[in-house]
């Protein structure tokens, strides 16, 4: 049986690029250590002269191929993340929510080199 494929979703637009890269990379590492195959939208091939809608089209195609979506704690601030969550929910995909305390817990565990098991799961 193949590993579950999970798509990372969170605020990107109007965020500082270094912060976005760091948050998405931390989530990707955490999920990989939990045994998931990860789709990080920051690593998808985008034409950077595209409109927001064209970025979303590429991202949604990737989401369709995933088993689950991982919602970063800032997802409610993002129109795109809210759309991705709504689509994932309608498709019956597993929705995994990050909470701010679990991010700090996960970073601490990563630094200590321990497996990460703490997460919040919803099939909402």
Protein backbone atom coordinates (compact mmCIF):
# COMPACT_ATOMS: atom_id res chain seq x y z
CA UNK A 1 0.00 0.00 0.00
CA UNK A 2 1.34 3.43 -0.91
CA UNK A 3 1.84 6.25 1.58
CA UNK A 4 -0.93 8.81 1.84
CA UNK A 5 -0.29 11.90 -0.25
CA UNK A 6 -1.02 15.14 1.59
CA UNK A 7 -1.24 18.67 0.17
CA UNK A 8 -0.09 21.59 2.34
CA UNK A 9 -2.44 24.58 2.40
CA UNK A 10 -1.97 27.95 4.05
CA UNK A 11 -1.56 31.68 3.52
CA UNK A 12 0.92 32.63 0.78
CA UNK A 13 -0.35 35.83 -0.85
CA UNK A 14 0.67 39.06 0.92
CA UNK A 15 2.99 37.16 3.28
CA UNK A 16 6.76 37.66 3.52
CA UNK A 17 8.33 35.12 1.10
CA UNK A 18 10.98 33.95 3.59
CA UNK A 19 8.34 33.32 6.24
CA UNK A 20 6.14 31.40 3.79
CA UNK A 21 9.05 29.23 2.63
CA UNK A 22 10.05 28.49 6.24
CA UNK A 23 6.52 27.59 7.40
CA UNK A 24 5.79 25.38 4.40
CA UNK A 25 9.21 23.67 4.63
CA UNK A 26 8.69 22.94 8.33
CA UNK A 27 5.27 21.46 7.63
CA UNK A 28 6.67 19.40 4.76
CA UNK A 29 9.45 17.98 6.92
CA UNK A 30 7.02 17.20 9.74
CA UNK A 31 4.66 15.38 7.39
CA UNK A 32 7.46 13.41 5.71
CA UNK A 33 8.66 12.28 9.13
CA UNK A 34 5.13 11.08 9.83
CA UNK A 35 5.29 8.91 6.71
CA UNK A 36 3.34 11.01 4.24
CA UNK A 37 4.23 11.82 0.67
CA UNK A 38 3.91 15.61 0.53
CA UNK A 39 2.79 18.06 -2.12
CA UNK A 40 4.12 21.49 -1.23
CA UNK A 41 2.52 24.11 -3.52
CA UNK A 42 5.67 26.22 -3.30
CA UNK A 43 7.53 23.51 -5.20
CA UNK A 44 4.97 23.16 -8.00
CA UNK A 45 5.92 24.56 -11.40
CA UNK A 46 4.24 27.93 -11.82
CA UNK A 47 4.79 30.64 -14.40
CA UNK A 48 5.47 33.54 -12.05
CA UNK A 49 3.81 35.98 -14.44
CA UNK A 50 0.50 34.18 -13.91
CA UNK A 51 -2.59 35.61 -12.31
CA UNK A 52 -3.75 34.42 -8.89
CA UNK A 53 -6.43 32.30 -10.59
CA UNK A 54 -3.83 30.59 -12.78
CA UNK A 55 -1.71 29.79 -9.70
CA UNK A 56 -4.79 28.29 -8.08
CA UNK A 57 -5.52 26.19 -11.14
CA UNK A 58 -2.08 24.54 -10.91
CA UNK A 59 -2.46 24.06 -7.15
CA UNK A 60 -5.96 22.59 -7.38
CA UNK A 61 -4.85 20.07 -10.01
CA UNK A 62 -2.23 18.90 -7.50
CA UNK A 63 -4.77 18.79 -4.66
CA UNK A 64 -7.08 16.54 -6.71
CA UNK A 65 -4.35 13.87 -6.75
CA UNK A 66 -3.89 13.89 -2.97
CA UNK A 67 -5.55 11.81 -0.25
CA UNK A 68 -5.51 14.55 2.39
CA UNK A 69 -4.96 18.23 2.96
CA UNK A 70 -2.88 19.74 5.78
CA UNK A 71 -4.22 23.11 6.85
CA UNK A 72 -1.56 25.38 8.31
CA UNK A 73 -2.70 27.37 11.34
CA UNK A 74 -3.02 30.54 9.22
CA UNK A 75 -5.37 28.98 6.63
CA UNK A 76 -8.40 31.10 7.56
CA UNK A 77 -6.50 34.24 6.50
CA UNK A 78 -6.14 32.92 2.95
CA UNK A 79 -8.84 32.95 0.30
CA UNK A 80 -6.96 30.29 -1.64
CA UNK A 81 -6.57 28.00 1.39
CA UNK A 82 -10.28 28.37 2.22
CA UNK A 83 -11.12 27.36 -1.36
CA UNK A 84 -8.70 24.40 -1.20
CA UNK A 85 -10.24 23.24 2.09
CA UNK A 86 -13.79 23.53 0.73
CA UNK A 87 -12.88 21.47 -2.32
CA UNK A 88 -11.05 18.86 -0.22
CA UNK A 89 -14.05 18.63 2.10
CA UNK A 90 -16.48 18.18 -0.81
CA UNK A 91 -14.22 15.48 -2.27
CA UNK A 92 -14.19 13.59 1.04
CA UNK A 93 -10.46 14.01 1.60
CA UNK A 94 -8.99 13.77 5.08
CA UNK A 95 -8.45 17.24 6.55
CA UNK A 96 -5.58 17.61 9.00
CA UNK A 97 -5.40 20.86 10.96
CA UNK A 98 -2.23 22.33 12.36
CA UNK A 99 -2.55 24.29 15.57
CA UNK A 100 0.00 26.91 16.60
CA UNK A 101 1.04 25.00 19.76
CA UNK A 102 1.52 21.80 17.76
CA UNK A 103 3.82 23.68 15.35
CA UNK A 104 6.04 24.71 18.27
CA UNK A 105 5.86 21.19 19.68
CA UNK A 106 6.80 19.76 16.28
CA UNK A 107 9.76 22.10 15.83
CA UNK A 108 11.02 21.14 19.28
CA UNK A 109 10.65 17.45 18.47
CA UNK A 110 12.40 17.93 15.11
CA UNK A 111 15.31 19.60 16.84
CA UNK A 112 15.48 16.72 19.29
CA UNK A 113 15.31 14.21 16.44
CA UNK A 114 12.23 12.42 17.74
CA UNK A 115 9.27 11.19 15.75
CA UNK A 116 6.32 13.51 15.66
CA UNK A 117 2.99 12.03 16.59
CA UNK A 118 0.97 14.95 17.90
CA UNK A 119 -1.61 16.18 15.38
CA UNK A 120 -5.23 17.07 15.14
CA UNK A 121 -7.34 15.25 12.56
CA UNK A 122 -10.82 16.04 11.37
CA UNK A 123 -12.96 14.49 8.69
CA UNK A 124 -15.21 17.56 8.80
